[in-house]
Amino acid sequence: RDHYTQDVVHYEPKEFDVLHAMMSRLGRVNG
């Protein structure tokens, strides 16, 4: 959420898939 206003938005779930794949390629899937 926006930590200034506390507003929440529905994130595009693909963003989380990108982060997961990035961490996997870094060899830090549990990082």
PDB file of all heavy atoms in Angstrom:
ATOM      1  N   ARG A   1       0.831  -1.213   0.000  1.00  0.00           N
ATOM      2  CA  ARG A   1       0.000   0.000   0.000  1.00  0.00           C
ATOM      3  C   ARG A   1       0.860   1.256   0.000  1.00  0.00           C
ATOM      4  O   ARG A   1       2.045   1.230   0.339  1.00  0.00           O
ATOM      5  CB  ARG A   1      -0.919   0.001   1.220  1.00  0.00           C
ATOM      6  CG  ARG A   1      -0.172   0.172   2.545  1.00  0.00           C
ATOM      7  CD  ARG A   1      -1.097  -0.097   3.722  1.00  0.00           C
ATOM      8  NE  ARG A   1      -0.419   0.071   5.027  1.00  0.00           N
ATOM      9  CZ  ARG A   1       0.354  -0.845   5.584  1.00  0.00           C
ATOM     10  NH1 ARG A   1       0.576  -1.995   4.971  1.00  0.00           N
ATOM     11  NH2 ARG A   1       0.908  -0.629   6.778  1.00  0.00           N
ATOM     12  N   ASP A   2       0.247   2.382  -0.372  1.00  0.00           N
ATOM     13  CA  ASP A   2       0.898   3.681  -0.293  1.00  0.00           C
ATOM     14  C   ASP A   2       1.082   3.994   1.192  1.00  0.00           C
ATOM     15  O   ASP A   2       0.105   4.234   1.910  1.00  0.00           O
ATOM     16  CB  ASP A   2       0.021   4.737  -0.972  1.00  0.00           C
ATOM     17  CG  ASP A   2       0.666   6.128  -1.016  1.00  0.00           C
ATOM     18  OD1 ASP A   2       1.406   6.469  -0.068  1.00  0.00           O
ATOM     19  OD2 ASP A   2       0.433   6.863  -1.988  1.00  0.00           O
ATOM     20  N   HIS A   3       2.324   3.994   1.654  1.00  0.00           N
ATOM     21  CA  HIS A   3       2.549   4.171   3.097  1.00  0.00           C
ATOM     22  C   HIS A   3       2.313   5.602   3.554  1.00  0.00           C
ATOM     23  O   HIS A   3       2.249   5.870   4.754  1.00  0.00           O
ATOM     24  CB  HIS A   3       3.970   3.719   3.475  1.00  0.00           C
ATOM     25  CG  HIS A   3       5.070   4.547   2.882  1.00  0.00           C
ATOM     26  ND1 HIS A   3       5.562   4.314   1.614  1.00  0.00           N
ATOM     27  CD2 HIS A   3       5.750   5.620   3.370  1.00  0.00           C
ATOM     28  CE1 HIS A   3       6.527   5.185   1.349  1.00  0.00           C
ATOM     29  NE2 HIS A   3       6.656   5.987   2.390  1.00  0.00           N
ATOM     30  N   TYR A   4       2.160   6.537   2.605  1.00  0.00           N
ATOM     31  CA  TYR A   4       1.845   7.919   2.979  1.00  0.00           C
ATOM     32  C   TYR A   4       0.365   8.081   3.278  1.00  0.00           C
ATOM     33  O   TYR A   4      -0.029   8.801   4.206  1.00  0.00           O
ATOM     34  CB  TYR A   4       2.229   8.883   1.853  1.00  0.00           C
ATOM     35  CG  TYR A   4       3.714   9.033   1.638  1.00  0.00           C
ATOM     36  CD1 TYR A   4       4.354   8.380   0.582  1.00  0.00           C
ATOM     37  CD2 TYR A   4       4.491   9.834   2.477  1.00  0.00           C
ATOM     38  CE1 TYR A   4       5.719   8.517   0.368  1.00  0.00           C
ATOM     39  CE2 TYR A   4       5.863   9.978   2.278  1.00  0.00           C
ATOM     40  CZ  TYR A   4       6.466   9.316   1.223  1.00  0.00           C
ATOM     41  OH  TYR A   4       7.821   9.457   1.012  1.00  0.00           O
ATOM     42  N   THR A   5      -0.480   7.442   2.461  1.00  0.00           N
ATOM     43  CA  THR A   5      -1.930   7.631   2.579  1.00  0.00           C
ATOM     44  C   THR A   5      -2.672   6.395   3.081  1.00  0.00           C
ATOM     45  O   THR A   5      -3.855   6.490   3.404  1.00  0.00           O
ATOM     46  CB  THR A   5      -2.516   8.009   1.215  1.00  0.00           C
ATOM     47  OG1 THR A   5      -2.391   6.888   0.323  1.00  0.00           O
ATOM     48  CG2 THR A   5      -1.795   9.217   0.613  1.00  0.00           C
ATOM     49  N   GLN A   6      -1.980   5.247   3.072  1.00  0.00           N
ATOM     50  CA  GLN A   6      -2.560   3.949   3.467  1.00  0.00           C
ATOM     51  C   GLN A   6      -3.563   3.432   2.426  1.00  0.00           C
ATOM     52  O   GLN A   6      -4.297   2.474   2.698  1.00  0.00           O
ATOM     53  CB  GLN A   6      -3.246   4.027   4.854  1.00  0.00           C
ATOM     54  CG  GLN A   6      -2.326   4.501   5.968  1.00  0.00           C
ATOM     55  CD  GLN A   6      -1.068   3.642   6.100  1.00  0.00           C
ATOM     56  OE1 GLN A   6      -1.150   2.435   6.181  1.00  0.00           O
ATOM     57  NE2 GLN A   6       0.101   4.287   6.107  1.00  0.00           N
ATOM     58  N   ASP A   7      -3.602   4.041   1.246  1.00  0.00           N
ATOM     59  CA  ASP A   7      -4.480   3.550   0.190  1.00  0.00           C
ATOM     60  C   ASP A   7      -3.934   2.245  -0.388  1.00  0.00           C
ATOM     61  O   ASP A   7      -2.712   2.058  -0.506  1.00  0.00           O
ATOM     62  CB  ASP A   7      -4.599   4.590  -0.924  1.00  0.00           C
ATOM     63  CG  ASP A   7      -5.500   5.745  -0.523  1.00  0.00           C
ATOM     64  OD1 ASP A   7      -6.720   5.520  -0.397  1.00  0.00           O
ATOM     65  OD2 ASP A   7      -4.981   6.862  -0.326  1.00  0.00           O
ATOM     66  N   VAL A   8      -4.866   1.376  -0.770  1.00  0.00           N
ATOM     67  CA  VAL A   8      -4.516   0.063  -1.305  1.00  0.00           C
ATOM     68  C   VAL A   8      -5.033  -0.037  -2.728  1.00  0.00           C
ATOM     69  O   VAL A   8      -6.117   0.457  -3.053  1.00  0.00           O
ATOM     70  CB  VAL A   8      -5.135  -1.066  -0.442  1.00  0.00           C
ATOM     71  CG1 VAL A   8      -4.827  -2.439  -1.043  1.00  0.00           C
ATOM     72  CG2 VAL A   8      -4.619  -0.981   0.990  1.00  0.00           C
ATOM     73  N   VAL A   9      -4.264  -0.692  -3.598  1.00  0.00           N
ATOM     74  CA  VAL A   9      -4.693  -0.939  -4.961  1.00  0.00           C
ATOM     75  C   VAL A   9      -4.548  -2.426  -5.248  1.00  0.00           C
ATOM     76  O   VAL A   9      -3.730  -3.112  -4.607  1.00  0.00           O
ATOM     77  CB  VAL A   9      -3.856  -0.113  -5.972  1.00  0.00           C
ATOM     78  CG1 VAL A   9      -2.456  -0.691  -6.112  1.00  0.00           C
ATOM     79  CG2 VAL A   9      -4.533  -0.054  -7.343  1.00  0.00           C
ATOM     80  N   HIS A  10      -5.348  -2.923  -6.173  1.00  0.00           N
ATOM     81  CA  HIS A  10      -5.228  -4.333  -6.569  1.00  0.00           C
ATOM     82  C   HIS A  10      -4.059  -4.466  -7.535  1.00  0.00           C
ATOM     83  O   HIS A  10      -4.113  -3.957  -8.661  1.00  0.00           O
ATOM     84  CB  HIS A  10      -6.521  -4.809  -7.226  1.00  0.00           C
ATOM     85  CG  HIS A  10      -6.446  -6.229  -7.717  1.00  0.00           C
ATOM     86  ND1 HIS A  10      -6.234  -7.303  -6.882  1.00  0.00           N
ATOM     87  CD2 HIS A  10      -6.535  -6.738  -8.970  1.00  0.00           C
ATOM     88  CE1 HIS A  10      -6.191  -8.414  -7.593  1.00  0.00           C
ATOM     89  NE2 HIS A  10      -6.366  -8.104  -8.864  1.00  0.00           N
ATOM     90  N   TYR A  11      -3.005  -5.127  -7.102  1.00  0.00           N
ATOM     91  CA  TYR A  11      -1.823  -5.306  -7.932  1.00  0.00           C
ATOM     92  C   TYR A  11      -2.069  -6.322  -9.044  1.00  0.00           C
ATOM     93  O   TYR A  11      -2.824  -7.287  -8.867  1.00  0.00           O
ATOM     94  CB  TYR A  11      -0.642  -5.773  -7.086  1.00  0.00           C
ATOM     95  CG  TYR A  11       0.384  -4.683  -6.836  1.00  0.00           C
ATOM     96  CD1 TYR A  11       0.155  -3.726  -5.864  1.00  0.00           C
ATOM     97  CD2 TYR A  11       1.552  -4.604  -7.585  1.00  0.00           C
ATOM     98  CE1 TYR A  11       1.076  -2.715  -5.630  1.00  0.00           C
ATOM     99  CE2 TYR A  11       2.475  -3.602  -7.365  1.00  0.00           C
ATOM    100  CZ  TYR A  11       2.241  -2.654  -6.392  1.00  0.00           C
ATOM    101  OH  TYR A  11       3.147  -1.658  -6.179  1.00  0.00           O
ATOM    102  N   GLU A  12      -1.442  -6.088 -10.171  1.00  0.00           N
ATOM    103  CA  GLU A  12      -1.447  -7.051 -11.266  1.00  0.00           C
ATOM    104  C   GLU A  12      -0.655  -8.285 -10.786  1.00  0.00           C
ATOM    105  O   GLU A  12       0.544  -8.185 -10.517  1.00  0.00           O
ATOM    106  CB  GLU A  12      -0.789  -6.439 -12.492  1.00  0.00           C
ATOM    107  CG  GLU A  12      -0.486  -7.415 -13.612  1.00  0.00           C
ATOM    108  CD  GLU A  12      -1.711  -8.167 -14.085  1.00  0.00           C
ATOM    109  OE1 GLU A  12      -2.698  -7.514 -14.469  1.00  0.00           O
ATOM    110  OE2 GLU A  12      -1.659  -9.411 -14.043  1.00  0.00           O
ATOM    111  N   PRO A  13      -1.293  -9.456 -10.683  1.00  0.00           N
ATOM    112  CA  PRO A  13      -0.602 -10.638 -10.150  1.00  0.00           C
ATOM    113  C   PRO A  13       0.658 -11.027 -10.927  1.00  0.00           C
ATOM    114  O   PRO A  13       1.587 -11.614 -10.356  1.00  0.00           O
ATOM    115  CB  PRO A  13      -1.662 -11.748 -10.248  1.00  0.00           C
ATOM    116  CG  PRO A  13      -2.967 -11.019 -10.191  1.00  0.00           C
ATOM    117  CD  PRO A  13      -2.727  -9.733 -10.936  1.00  0.00           C
ATOM    118  N   LYS A  14       0.705 -10.674 -12.197  1.00  0.00           N
ATOM    119  CA  LYS A  14       1.887 -10.992 -12.986  1.00  0.00           C
ATOM    120  C   LYS A  14       3.146 -10.356 -12.390  1.00  0.00           C
ATOM    121  O   LYS A  14       4.252 -10.886 -12.538  1.00  0.00           O
ATOM    122  CB  LYS A  14       1.706 -10.524 -14.436  1.00  0.00           C
ATOM    123  CG  LYS A  14       2.891 -10.851 -15.340  1.00  0.00           C
ATOM    124  CD  LYS A  14       2.715 -10.269 -16.734  1.00  0.00           C
ATOM    125  CE  LYS A  14       3.964 -10.482 -17.577  1.00  0.00           C
ATOM    126  NZ  LYS A  14       3.829  -9.848 -18.921  1.00  0.00           N
ATOM    127  N   GLU A  15       2.994  -9.219 -11.711  1.00  0.00           N
ATOM    128  CA  GLU A  15       4.134  -8.574 -11.069  1.00  0.00           C
ATOM    129  C   GLU A  15       4.799  -9.527 -10.073  1.00  0.00           C
ATOM    130  O   GLU A  15       6.026  -9.587  -9.963  1.00  0.00           O
ATOM    131  CB  GLU A  15       3.686  -7.290 -10.368  1.00  0.00           C
ATOM    132  CG  GLU A  15       4.765  -6.587  -9.563  1.00  0.00           C
ATOM    133  CD  GLU A  15       5.793  -5.866 -10.422  1.00  0.00           C
ATOM    134  OE1 GLU A  15       5.611  -5.798 -11.658  1.00  0.00           O
ATOM    135  OE2 GLU A  15       6.778  -5.354  -9.849  1.00  0.00           O
ATOM    136  N   PHE A  16       3.980 -10.287  -9.365  1.00  0.00           N
ATOM    137  CA  PHE A  16       4.531 -11.229  -8.391  1.00  0.00           C
ATOM    138  C   PHE A  16       5.211 -12.410  -9.094  1.00  0.00           C
ATOM    139  O   PHE A  16       6.203 -12.948  -8.590  1.00  0.00           O
ATOM    140  CB  PHE A  16       3.421 -11.712  -7.458  1.00  0.00           C
ATOM    141  CG  PHE A  16       2.659 -10.583  -6.811  1.00  0.00           C
ATOM    142  CD1 PHE A  16       1.269 -10.579  -6.788  1.00  0.00           C
ATOM    143  CD2 PHE A  16       3.325  -9.500  -6.254  1.00  0.00           C
ATOM    144  CE1 PHE A  16       0.563  -9.530  -6.203  1.00  0.00           C
ATOM    145  CE2 PHE A  16       2.642  -8.448  -5.659  1.00  0.00           C
ATOM    146  CZ  PHE A  16       1.253  -8.460  -5.644  1.00  0.00           C
ATOM    147  N   ASP A  17       4.674 -12.784 -10.253  1.00  0.00           N
ATOM    148  CA  ASP A  17       5.321 -13.844 -11.032  1.00  0.00           C
ATOM    149  C   ASP A  17       6.699 -13.390 -11.514  1.00  0.00           C
ATOM    150  O   ASP A  17       7.648 -14.177 -11.555  1.00  0.00           O
ATOM    151  CB  ASP A  17       4.451 -14.221 -12.240  1.00  0.00           C
ATOM    152  CG  ASP A  17       3.141 -14.870 -11.837  1.00  0.00           C
ATOM    153  OD1 ASP A  17       3.128 -15.607 -10.838  1.00  0.00           O
ATOM    154  OD2 ASP A  17       2.133 -14.636 -12.519  1.00  0.00           O
ATOM    155  N   VAL A  18       6.805 -12.111 -11.884  1.00  0.00           N
ATOM    156  CA  VAL A  18       8.096 -11.563 -12.316  1.00  0.00           C
ATOM    157  C   VAL A  18       9.087 -11.607 -11.160  1.00  0.00           C
ATOM    158  O   VAL A  18      10.244 -12.012 -11.337  1.00  0.00           O
ATOM    159  CB  VAL A  18       7.927 -10.127 -12.833  1.00  0.00           C
ATOM    160  CG1 VAL A  18       9.290  -9.491 -13.090  1.00  0.00           C
ATOM    161  CG2 VAL A  18       7.103 -10.107 -14.116  1.00  0.00           C
ATOM    162  N   LEU A  19       8.648 -11.200  -9.967  1.00  0.00           N
ATOM    163  CA  LEU A  19       9.543 -11.221  -8.805  1.00  0.00           C
ATOM    164  C   LEU A  19       9.977 -12.644  -8.470  1.00  0.00           C
ATOM    165  O   LEU A  19      11.147 -12.892  -8.146  1.00  0.00           O
ATOM    166  CB  LEU A  19       8.843 -10.599  -7.589  1.00  0.00           C
ATOM    167  CG  LEU A  19       8.406  -9.137  -7.700  1.00  0.00           C
ATOM    168  CD1 LEU A  19       7.926  -8.637  -6.347  1.00  0.00           C
ATOM    169  CD2 LEU A  19       9.535  -8.256  -8.211  1.00  0.00           C
ATOM    170  N   HIS A  20       9.050 -13.578  -8.540  1.00  0.00           N
ATOM    171  CA  HIS A  20       9.377 -14.974  -8.225  1.00  0.00           C
ATOM    172  C   HIS A  20      10.387 -15.530  -9.220  1.00  0.00           C
ATOM    173  O   HIS A  20      11.368 -16.185  -8.831  1.00  0.00           O
ATOM    174  CB  HIS A  20       8.101 -15.827  -8.233  1.00  0.00           C
ATOM    175  CG  HIS A  20       8.315 -17.214  -7.728  1.00  0.00           C
ATOM    176  ND1 HIS A  20       8.796 -18.245  -8.521  1.00  0.00           N
ATOM    177  CD2 HIS A  20       8.146 -17.745  -6.491  1.00  0.00           C
ATOM    178  CE1 HIS A  20       8.887 -19.343  -7.803  1.00  0.00           C
ATOM    179  NE2 HIS A  20       8.501 -19.076  -6.565  1.00  0.00           N
ATOM    180  N   ALA A  21      10.174 -15.267 -10.502  1.00  0.00           N
ATOM    181  CA  ALA A  21      11.100 -15.752 -11.529  1.00  0.00           C
ATOM    182  C   ALA A  21      12.468 -15.097 -11.373  1.00  0.00           C
ATOM    183  O   ALA A  21      13.510 -15.735 -11.550  1.00  0.00           O
ATOM    184  CB  ALA A  21      10.531 -15.481 -12.922  1.00  0.00           C
ATOM    185  N   MET A  22      12.476 -13.810 -11.032  1.00  0.00           N
ATOM    186  CA  MET A  22      13.738 -13.093 -10.828  1.00  0.00           C
ATOM    187  C   MET A  22      14.529 -13.708  -9.673  1.00  0.00           C
ATOM    188  O   MET A  22      15.736 -13.959  -9.789  1.00  0.00           O
ATOM    189  CB  MET A  22      13.456 -11.625 -10.532  1.00  0.00           C
ATOM    190  CG  MET A  22      14.701 -10.768 -10.326  1.00  0.00           C
ATOM    191  SD  MET A  22      14.296  -9.106  -9.687  1.00  0.00           S
ATOM    192  CE  MET A  22      13.912  -9.522  -7.959  1.00  0.00           C
ATOM    193  N   MET A  23      13.857 -13.972  -8.569  1.00  0.00           N
ATOM    194  CA  MET A  23      14.533 -14.562  -7.410  1.00  0.00           C
ATOM    195  C   MET A  23      15.029 -15.969  -7.720  1.00  0.00           C
ATOM    196  O   MET A  23      16.097 -16.389  -7.257  1.00  0.00           O
ATOM    197  CB  MET A  23      13.595 -14.576  -6.207  1.00  0.00           C
ATOM    198  CG  MET A  23      13.227 -13.191  -5.698  1.00  0.00           C
ATOM    199  SD  MET A  23      14.657 -12.238  -5.112  1.00  0.00           S
ATOM    200  CE  MET A  23      14.949 -13.024  -3.525  1.00  0.00           C
ATOM    201  N   SER A  24      14.266 -16.699  -8.521  1.00  0.00           N
ATOM    202  CA  SER A  24      14.689 -18.043  -8.925  1.00  0.00           C
ATOM    203  C   SER A  24      15.956 -17.978  -9.758  1.00  0.00           C
ATOM    204  O   SER A  24      16.900 -18.747  -9.545  1.00  0.00           O
ATOM    205  CB  SER A  24      13.564 -18.735  -9.706  1.00  0.00           C
ATOM    206  OG  SER A  24      13.987 -19.994 -10.195  1.00  0.00           O
ATOM    207  N   ARG A  25      16.007 -17.046 -10.710  1.00  0.00           N
ATOM    208  CA  ARG A  25      17.192 -16.914 -11.563  1.00  0.00           C
ATOM    209  C   ARG A  25      18.406 -16.411 -10.780  1.00  0.00           C
ATOM    210  O   ARG A  25      19.543 -16.683 -11.156  1.00  0.00           O
ATOM    211  CB  ARG A  25      16.899 -15.975 -12.727  1.00  0.00           C
ATOM    212  CG  ARG A  25      15.929 -16.553 -13.737  1.00  0.00           C
ATOM    213  CD  ARG A  25      15.906 -15.771 -15.032  1.00  0.00           C
ATOM    214  NE  ARG A  25      15.045 -16.412 -16.016  1.00  0.00           N
ATOM    215  CZ  ARG A  25      15.082 -16.170 -17.329  1.00  0.00           C
ATOM    216  NH1 ARG A  25      15.927 -15.265 -17.801  1.00  0.00           N
ATOM    217  NH2 ARG A  25      14.279 -16.803 -18.160  1.00  0.00           N
ATOM    218  N   LEU A  26      18.149 -15.698  -9.698  1.00  0.00           N
ATOM    219  CA  LEU A  26      19.239 -15.241  -8.840  1.00  0.00           C
ATOM    220  C   LEU A  26      19.740 -16.354  -7.926  1.00  0.00           C
ATOM    221  O   LEU A  26      20.749 -16.192  -7.237  1.00  0.00           O
ATOM    222  CB  LEU A  26      18.779 -14.063  -7.976  1.00  0.00           C
ATOM    223  CG  LEU A  26      18.648 -12.707  -8.670  1.00  0.00           C
ATOM    224  CD1 LEU A  26      17.958 -11.702  -7.743  1.00  0.00           C
ATOM    225  CD2 LEU A  26      20.019 -12.176  -9.099  1.00  0.00           C
ATOM    226  N   GLY A  27      19.035 -17.473  -7.922  1.00  0.00           N
ATOM    227  CA  GLY A  27      19.394 -18.563  -7.028  1.00  0.00           C
ATOM    228  C   GLY A  27      18.980 -18.281  -5.594  1.00  0.00           C
ATOM    229  O   GLY A  27      19.545 -18.838  -4.651  1.00  0.00           O
ATOM    230  N   ARG A  28      17.975 -17.423  -5.413  1.00  0.00           N
ATOM    231  CA  ARG A  28      17.528 -17.035  -4.078  1.00  0.00           C
ATOM    232  C   ARG A  28      16.012 -17.139  -3.989  1.00  0.00           C
ATOM    233  O   ARG A  28      15.341 -16.201  -3.567  1.00  0.00           O
ATOM    234  CB  ARG A  28      17.983 -15.613  -3.757  1.00  0.00           C
ATOM    235  CG  ARG A  28      19.508 -15.495  -3.706  1.00  0.00           C
ATOM    236  CD  ARG A  28      19.941 -14.135  -3.217  1.00  0.00           C
ATOM    237  NE  ARG A  28      21.385 -14.104  -3.070  1.00  0.00           N
ATOM    238  CZ  ARG A  28      22.029 -13.797  -1.943  1.00  0.00           C
ATOM    239  NH1 ARG A  28      21.333 -13.547  -0.860  1.00  0.00           N
ATOM    240  NH2 ARG A  28      23.343 -13.777  -1.905  1.00  0.00           N
ATOM    241  N   VAL A  29      15.500 -18.289  -4.374  1.00  0.00           N
ATOM    242  CA  VAL A  29      14.057 -18.460  -4.393  1.00  0.00           C
ATOM    243  C   VAL A  29      13.455 -18.294  -2.999  1.00  0.00           C
ATOM    244  O   VAL A  29      12.280 -17.930  -2.859  1.00  0.00           O
ATOM    245  CB  VAL A  29      13.689 -19.842  -4.994  1.00  0.00           C
ATOM    246  CG1 VAL A  29      14.105 -20.974  -4.064  1.00  0.00           C
ATOM    247  CG2 VAL A  29      12.205 -19.920  -5.329  1.00  0.00           C
ATOM    248  N   ASN A  30      14.244 -18.541  -1.959  1.00  0.00           N
ATOM    249  CA  ASN A  30      13.767 -18.350  -0.591  1.00  0.00           C
ATOM    250  C   ASN A  30      14.321 -17.066   0.023  1.00  0.00           C
ATOM    251  O   ASN A  30      14.208 -16.841   1.228  1.00  0.00           O
ATOM    252  CB  ASN A  30      14.162 -19.540   0.290  1.00  0.00           C
ATOM    253  CG  ASN A  30      13.465 -20.822  -0.132  1.00  0.00           C
ATOM    254  OD1 ASN A  30      12.274 -20.818  -0.425  1.00  0.00           O
ATOM    255  ND2 ASN A  30      14.208 -21.920  -0.184  1.00  0.00           N
ATOM    256  N   GLY A  31      14.942 -16.228  -0.803  1.00  0.00           N
ATOM    257  CA  GLY A  31      15.526 -14.992  -0.312  1.00  0.00           C
ATOM    258  C   GLY A  31      14.488 -13.924  -0.038  1.00  0.00           C
ATOM    259  O   GLY A  31      13.310 -14.061  -0.369  1.00  0.00           O
TER     260      GLY A  31
END
